[in-house]
Amino acid sequence: MNDLVKIRAVLDTNVWINVFLHKFIRPPKQPYRDIGDALANGEFVAVYCEECFDELVYMLTESNLARAYGIDPIKGGEFVGIALTKSGEQVEITGDVAFSSDPDDDAFAEAALVGQVDFLVTDDTDLHEEAVIARLRNAGVRVVWSKQFRTALQQRRDELEKEELSES
């Protein structure tokens, strides 16, 4: 990646789970594979808070979903460690944000605000409610579906490629 500022994004647990499932369990498919590859390639910074981290660890190690998919808790935990602690940036939240109809989603919205991210990436309809979108848009955060995020990453790659061609 060149010296431009990297995209900053909070990924909701549902997106992380699909990145994990499509990388390790199901045959890889879009858009989840592309998001995992983009993180591994340093194309964006994954911003998260402790509450987001804890939820993802739980979902990939102890939850009914983890058991249903036969996820090895060690493999799930290792994925979280690599995806977030090695490739991400942790922010501290207060827990005072409450504008989603699902209180469990408020930590992701607050992490997006505190982390001054470009995108909150979620396939959860609760975070696509107008109140959430409006509040985050006022702070410069776009709430997008995972497929839209993939498109934004591709647009960024195209911009960088054009820039590199014009420099040579």
C-alpha atoms as a PDB file:
ATOM      1  CA  MET A   1       0.000   0.000   0.000  1.00  0.00           C
ATOM      2  CA  ASN A   2       1.240   3.471  -0.645  1.00  0.00           C
ATOM      3  CA  ASP A   3       1.539   6.291   1.892  1.00  0.00           C
ATOM      4  CA  LEU A   4      -2.085   7.430   1.680  1.00  0.00           C
ATOM      5  CA  VAL A   5      -4.097   7.260   4.867  1.00  0.00           C
ATOM      6  CA  LYS A   6      -5.635   3.815   5.214  1.00  0.00           C
ATOM      7  CA  ILE A   7      -9.335   3.233   5.374  1.00  0.00           C
ATOM      8  CA  ARG A   8     -10.515   2.891   8.972  1.00  0.00           C
ATOM      9  CA  ALA A   9     -13.460   0.604   9.673  1.00  0.00           C
ATOM     10  CA  VAL A  10     -15.376  -1.037  12.474  1.00  0.00           C
ATOM     11  CA  LEU A  11     -16.610  -4.448  11.390  1.00  0.00           C
ATOM     12  CA  ASP A  12     -19.650  -5.815  13.165  1.00  0.00           C
ATOM     13  CA  THR A  13     -19.422  -9.310  14.625  1.00  0.00           C
ATOM     14  CA  ASN A  14     -21.638 -10.735  11.877  1.00  0.00           C
ATOM     15  CA  VAL A  15     -19.111  -9.651   9.246  1.00  0.00           C
ATOM     16  CA  TRP A  16     -16.153 -11.078  11.197  1.00  0.00           C
ATOM     17  CA  ILE A  17     -18.005 -14.372  11.633  1.00  0.00           C
ATOM     18  CA  ASN A  18     -18.624 -14.624   7.907  1.00  0.00           C
ATOM     19  CA  VAL A  19     -14.986 -13.746   7.157  1.00  0.00           C
ATOM     20  CA  PHE A  20     -13.956 -16.571   9.492  1.00  0.00           C
ATOM     21  CA  LEU A  21     -16.501 -19.085   8.180  1.00  0.00           C
ATOM     22  CA  HIS A  22     -15.668 -18.408   4.552  1.00  0.00           C
ATOM     23  CA  LYS A  23     -11.944 -18.575   5.199  1.00  0.00           C
ATOM     24  CA  PHE A  24     -11.835 -21.702   7.346  1.00  0.00           C
ATOM     25  CA  ILE A  25     -15.060 -23.662   6.960  1.00  0.00           C
ATOM     26  CA  ARG A  26     -17.147 -22.961   3.868  1.00  0.00           C
ATOM     27  CA  PRO A  27     -15.770 -22.570   0.369  1.00  0.00           C
ATOM     28  CA  PRO A  28     -14.492 -18.982   0.041  1.00  0.00           C
ATOM     29  CA  LYS A  29     -16.996 -16.598  -1.480  1.00  0.00           C
ATOM     30  CA  GLN A  30     -17.433 -12.890  -1.983  1.00  0.00           C
ATOM     31  CA  PRO A  31     -17.576 -10.448  -0.266  1.00  0.00           C
ATOM     32  CA  TYR A  32     -16.196 -12.013   2.861  1.00  0.00           C
ATOM     33  CA  ARG A  33     -13.036 -13.468   1.371  1.00  0.00           C
ATOM     34  CA  ASP A  34     -12.130 -10.075  -0.079  1.00  0.00           C
ATOM     35  CA  ILE A  35     -12.557  -8.376   3.287  1.00  0.00           C
ATOM     36  CA  GLY A  36     -10.263 -10.884   5.012  1.00  0.00           C
ATOM     37  CA  ASP A  37      -7.687 -10.562   2.228  1.00  0.00           C
ATOM     38  CA  ALA A  38      -7.846  -6.756   2.379  1.00  0.00           C
ATOM     39  CA  LEU A  39      -7.174  -6.813   6.120  1.00  0.00           C
ATOM     40  CA  ALA A  40      -4.279  -9.232   5.665  1.00  0.00           C
ATOM     41  CA  ASN A  41      -2.866  -6.957   2.933  1.00  0.00           C
ATOM     42  CA  GLY A  42      -3.033  -3.896   5.182  1.00  0.00           C
ATOM     43  CA  GLU A  43      -5.671  -2.142   3.087  1.00  0.00           C
ATOM     44  CA  PHE A  44      -7.648  -1.004   6.105  1.00  0.00           C
ATOM     45  CA  VAL A  45      -7.356  -0.635   9.861  1.00  0.00           C
ATOM     46  CA  ALA A  46      -9.882  -2.664  11.833  1.00  0.00           C
ATOM     47  CA  VAL A  47     -10.982  -0.469  14.736  1.00  0.00           C
ATOM     48  CA  TYR A  48     -12.586  -2.218  17.695  1.00  0.00           C
ATOM     49  CA  CYS A  49     -13.367  -1.803  21.376  1.00  0.00           C
ATOM     50  CA  GLU A  50     -13.059  -4.298  24.208  1.00  0.00           C
ATOM     51  CA  GLU A  51     -16.786  -5.059  24.085  1.00  0.00           C
ATOM     52  CA  CYS A  52     -16.595  -5.796  20.336  1.00  0.00           C
ATOM     53  CA  PHE A  53     -13.540  -7.986  20.893  1.00  0.00           C
ATOM     54  CA  ASP A  54     -15.211  -9.921  23.710  1.00  0.00           C
ATOM     55  CA  GLU A  55     -18.366 -10.506  21.663  1.00  0.00           C
ATOM     56  CA  LEU A  56     -16.379 -11.866  18.737  1.00  0.00           C
ATOM     57  CA  VAL A  57     -14.284 -14.149  20.951  1.00  0.00           C
ATOM     58  CA  TYR A  58     -17.449 -15.511  22.542  1.00  0.00           C
ATOM     59  CA  MET A  59     -19.180 -16.054  19.190  1.00  0.00           C
ATOM     60  CA  LEU A  60     -16.213 -17.928  17.707  1.00  0.00           C
ATOM     61  CA  THR A  61     -15.338 -19.985  20.781  1.00  0.00           C
ATOM     62  CA  GLU A  62     -18.311 -20.644  23.080  1.00  0.00           C
ATOM     63  CA  SER A  63     -21.579 -19.744  21.380  1.00  0.00           C
ATOM     64  CA  ASN A  64     -24.208 -22.050  19.926  1.00  0.00           C
ATOM     65  CA  LEU A  65     -23.081 -20.835  16.498  1.00  0.00           C
ATOM     66  CA  ALA A  66     -19.514 -21.981  17.191  1.00  0.00           C
ATOM     67  CA  ARG A  67     -20.790 -25.381  18.288  1.00  0.00           C
ATOM     68  CA  ALA A  68     -23.172 -25.657  15.308  1.00  0.00           C
ATOM     69  CA  TYR A  69     -20.331 -25.039  12.852  1.00  0.00           C
ATOM     70  CA  GLY A  70     -17.878 -27.180  14.800  1.00  0.00           C
ATOM     71  CA  ILE A  71     -15.497 -24.265  15.235  1.00  0.00           C
ATOM     72  CA  ASP A  72     -12.391 -25.236  17.151  1.00  0.00           C
ATOM     73  CA  PRO A  73     -12.285 -22.672  20.008  1.00  0.00           C
ATOM     74  CA  ILE A  74      -8.509 -22.391  19.695  1.00  0.00           C
ATOM     75  CA  LYS A  75      -8.752 -21.639  15.982  1.00  0.00           C
ATOM     76  CA  GLY A  76     -11.552 -19.121  16.626  1.00  0.00           C
ATOM     77  CA  GLY A  77      -9.526 -17.388  19.317  1.00  0.00           C
ATOM     78  CA  GLU A  78      -6.409 -17.316  17.166  1.00  0.00           C
ATOM     79  CA  PHE A  79      -8.376 -15.725  14.323  1.00  0.00           C
ATOM     80  CA  VAL A  80      -9.618 -12.957  16.618  1.00  0.00           C
ATOM     81  CA  GLY A  81      -6.100 -12.383  17.937  1.00  0.00           C
ATOM     82  CA  ILE A  82      -4.640 -12.080  14.466  1.00  0.00           C
ATOM     83  CA  ALA A  83      -7.509 -10.128  12.931  1.00  0.00           C
ATOM     84  CA  LEU A  84      -7.874  -7.584  15.700  1.00  0.00           C
ATOM     85  CA  THR A  85      -4.894  -7.335  17.999  1.00  0.00           C
ATOM     86  CA  LYS A  86      -2.265  -7.685  15.278  1.00  0.00           C
ATOM     87  CA  SER A  87      -4.066  -5.872  12.466  1.00  0.00           C
ATOM     88  CA  GLY A  88      -6.385  -3.543  14.335  1.00  0.00           C
ATOM     89  CA  GLU A  89      -6.591  -0.584  16.631  1.00  0.00           C
ATOM     90  CA  GLN A  90      -8.407  -0.728  19.942  1.00  0.00           C
ATOM     91  CA  VAL A  91     -10.369   2.286  21.177  1.00  0.00           C
ATOM     92  CA  GLU A  92     -11.909   2.897  24.579  1.00  0.00           C
ATOM     93  CA  ILE A  93     -15.643   3.521  24.767  1.00  0.00           C
ATOM     94  CA  THR A  94     -17.776   4.763  27.648  1.00  0.00           C
ATOM     95  CA  GLY A  95     -20.878   2.709  26.930  1.00  0.00           C
ATOM     96  CA  ASP A  96     -22.972   5.888  26.939  1.00  0.00           C
ATOM     97  CA  VAL A  97     -24.065   5.687  23.287  1.00  0.00           C
ATOM     98  CA  ALA A  98     -27.593   4.359  22.919  1.00  0.00           C
ATOM     99  CA  PHE A  99     -29.250   4.959  19.590  1.00  0.00           C
ATOM    100  CA  SER A 100     -29.700   1.494  18.096  1.00  0.00           C
ATOM    101  CA  SER A 101     -32.832  -0.548  18.724  1.00  0.00           C
ATOM    102  CA  ASP A 102     -30.490  -3.391  19.766  1.00  0.00           C
ATOM    103  CA  PRO A 103     -28.381  -2.325  22.782  1.00  0.00           C
ATOM    104  CA  ASP A 104     -25.752  -4.947  21.864  1.00  0.00           C
ATOM    105  CA  ASP A 105     -25.024  -2.939  18.697  1.00  0.00           C
ATOM    106  CA  ASP A 106     -24.352   0.334  20.490  1.00  0.00           C
ATOM    107  CA  ALA A 107     -20.737  -0.641  21.276  1.00  0.00           C
ATOM    108  CA  PHE A 108     -20.018  -0.923  17.542  1.00  0.00           C
ATOM    109  CA  ALA A 109     -21.605   2.451  16.845  1.00  0.00           C
ATOM    110  CA  GLU A 110     -19.669   4.073  19.691  1.00  0.00           C
ATOM    111  CA  ALA A 111     -16.398   2.456  18.568  1.00  0.00           C
ATOM    112  CA  ALA A 112     -17.039   3.931  15.119  1.00  0.00           C
ATOM    113  CA  LEU A 113     -17.547   7.380  16.625  1.00  0.00           C
ATOM    114  CA  VAL A 114     -14.581   7.249  19.004  1.00  0.00           C
ATOM    115  CA  GLY A 115     -12.304   5.645  16.423  1.00  0.00           C
ATOM    116  CA  GLN A 116     -13.205   8.275  13.824  1.00  0.00           C
ATOM    117  CA  VAL A 117     -13.633   5.593  11.204  1.00  0.00           C
ATOM    118  CA  ASP A 118     -14.684   5.900   7.604  1.00  0.00           C
ATOM    119  CA  PHE A 119     -17.043   2.918   7.728  1.00  0.00           C
ATOM    120  CA  LEU A 120     -19.142   0.859  10.085  1.00  0.00           C
ATOM    121  CA  VAL A 121     -19.510  -2.413   8.179  1.00  0.00           C
ATOM    122  CA  THR A 122     -22.479  -4.532   9.157  1.00  0.00           C
ATOM    123  CA  ASP A 123     -24.980  -6.932   7.688  1.00  0.00           C
ATOM    124  CA  ASP A 124     -27.242  -6.318  10.697  1.00  0.00           C
ATOM    125  CA  THR A 125     -30.437  -4.414   9.884  1.00  0.00           C
ATOM    126  CA  ASP A 126     -30.480  -2.837  13.377  1.00  0.00           C
ATOM    127  CA  LEU A 127     -27.369  -0.830  12.520  1.00  0.00           C
ATOM    128  CA  HIS A 128     -28.916   0.230   9.205  1.00  0.00           C
ATOM    129  CA  GLU A 129     -31.790   2.002  10.972  1.00  0.00           C
ATOM    130  CA  GLU A 130     -32.205   5.648   9.977  1.00  0.00           C
ATOM    131  CA  ALA A 131     -31.411   6.949  13.491  1.00  0.00           C
ATOM    132  CA  VAL A 132     -28.098   5.086  13.537  1.00  0.00           C
ATOM    133  CA  ILE A 133     -27.184   6.071   9.982  1.00  0.00           C
ATOM    134  CA  ALA A 134     -28.016   9.750  10.606  1.00  0.00           C
ATOM    135  CA  ARG A 135     -26.052   9.951  13.857  1.00  0.00           C
ATOM    136  CA  LEU A 136     -22.984   8.300  12.371  1.00  0.00           C
ATOM    137  CA  ARG A 137     -23.216  10.229   9.084  1.00  0.00           C
ATOM    138  CA  ASN A 138     -23.069  13.473  11.103  1.00  0.00           C
ATOM    139  CA  ALA A 139     -19.723  12.245  12.450  1.00  0.00           C
ATOM    140  CA  GLY A 140     -18.465  11.330   8.976  1.00  0.00           C
ATOM    141  CA  VAL A 141     -19.028   7.583   9.344  1.00  0.00           C
ATOM    142  CA  ARG A 142     -20.748   5.652   6.560  1.00  0.00           C
ATOM    143  CA  VAL A 143     -22.821   2.631   7.625  1.00  0.00           C
ATOM    144  CA  VAL A 144     -22.461   0.080   4.846  1.00  0.00           C
ATOM    145  CA  TRP A 145     -23.272  -3.525   4.053  1.00  0.00           C
ATOM    146  CA  SER A 146     -20.279  -5.840   3.641  1.00  0.00           C
ATOM    147  CA  LYS A 147     -20.704  -5.856  -0.138  1.00  0.00           C
ATOM    148  CA  GLN A 148     -20.583  -2.041  -0.206  1.00  0.00           C
ATOM    149  CA  PHE A 149     -17.396  -2.123   1.853  1.00  0.00           C
ATOM    150  CA  ARG A 150     -15.849  -4.525  -0.604  1.00  0.00           C
ATOM    151  CA  THR A 151     -16.708  -2.079  -3.399  1.00  0.00           C
ATOM    152  CA  ALA A 152     -15.118   0.788  -1.445  1.00  0.00           C
ATOM    153  CA  LEU A 153     -11.950  -1.268  -0.984  1.00  0.00           C
ATOM    154  CA  GLN A 154     -11.832  -1.987  -4.725  1.00  0.00           C
ATOM    155  CA  GLN A 155     -12.320   1.709  -5.529  1.00  0.00           C
ATOM    156  CA  ARG A 156      -9.417   2.522  -3.210  1.00  0.00           C
ATOM    157  CA  ARG A 157      -7.224  -0.053  -4.978  1.00  0.00           C
ATOM    158  CA  ASP A 158      -8.148   1.478  -8.332  1.00  0.00           C
ATOM    159  CA  GLU A 159      -7.285   5.001  -7.070  1.00  0.00           C
ATOM    160  CA  LEU A 160      -3.914   3.816  -5.789  1.00  0.00           C
ATOM    161  CA  GLU A 161      -3.178   2.046  -9.054  1.00  0.00           C
ATOM    162  CA  LYS A 162      -3.966   5.201 -11.063  1.00  0.00           C
ATOM    163  CA  GLU A 163      -1.778   7.240  -8.743  1.00  0.00           C
ATOM    164  CA  GLU A 164       1.119   4.817  -9.123  1.00  0.00           C
ATOM    165  CA  LEU A 165       0.755   4.849 -12.916  1.00  0.00           C
ATOM    166  CA  SER A 166       0.772   8.639 -13.020  1.00  0.00           C
ATOM    167  CA  GLU A 167       3.924   8.733 -10.884  1.00  0.00           C
ATOM    168  CA  SER A 168       5.829   6.404 -13.219  1.00  0.00           C
END
